[in-house]
Amino acid sequence: MTTDAAPSRTADARLAALTLRLGDDALVLGQRLCQWITRAPTIEEDLALSNIALDLIGQARMLYTFTGRLDATGRDEDDFAFARGDREFTNALLTELPNGDFGATIARQLAYSHYAVLYYQALGGCADPDLAAFGQRAAKEVAFHRLYADTWTERLGLGTAESARRMQRGLNDVWPYTAELFDEDDVARDLAAAGVAPAAAALRPAWERAMTESVTRAGLRVPAPGWHGRGGRAGLHTEDFASLIAELQSVRRQFPGGTW
């Protein structure tokens, strides 16, 4: 005997897996950017990076709320952020890479924000009205993040020999981790085939064109890595990730159940 409820639960579980990944991308990158607070090159950049981090964490909250609704576990945004082990996070490895110097952070932000604009613009046309509304709003926010990264890439690339060297090094370091943003597994392929979510792989040519334009405008070279870092979507993370999550969850673990 079959019922209509079973396929619906399966579809919701797949969509929950997707919103969890997107939420983890946003939360982890936001947490990384928070580590720049009081350490940025100028107070203006300190505030800019903090504001970008706040936007990303706000996006994560919304996506975790969707996830809790879809997976029927009753978990809220704090449960997803603070009550999971590091192997339960499914963010792309790019978002967890250590900040490095300012050039490395800008390179990571450049790669992610160009991807995020394309993805959220496409998500804005998906079938789920709540998720579509989120995508439309998030696309506007990450467009500002992209402008910030584009501007700084050009300033560093066309600045001094040292700033260009560091910016190029940052691009070289993050580029091997960009391919994972466009990887698709059965969950992503099924959602794309059903028109529920964008096909990330289809966005890659547009991302490559935009990135090439930004990098060459800055007088820099587009890297051609001979390897690619993957595993984040499956919960396999880089060496520094566990300490990042421990820092994120430290207050919750020290005072479980505490309220403000």
Foldseek 3Di string as FASTA:
>chain_A
DDDPVVVLLVLLQLLLLVLQQLLLLLQQLLLLLLVCQVPAPDVVVNVVSNVSSVLSNVLSQLSQCSNCVSNVPVDHSCCSQAVDALLPRQYQQLSNDHCPHVLLVLLSLLLVLLLLLVFLCLQLPFDDPVSVVSSVVSNVSSVVSNVVSLVQLLCQLQPDPVSVVSNQVSQQVSVLRSVQQQDDDPSLVVCCVVRRGPRSVVCVVVSVVVVCVSNVSSVYDRDDDPHHDGDSNSSDYDPCSNVSSCVSNVVCVVPPPDDD
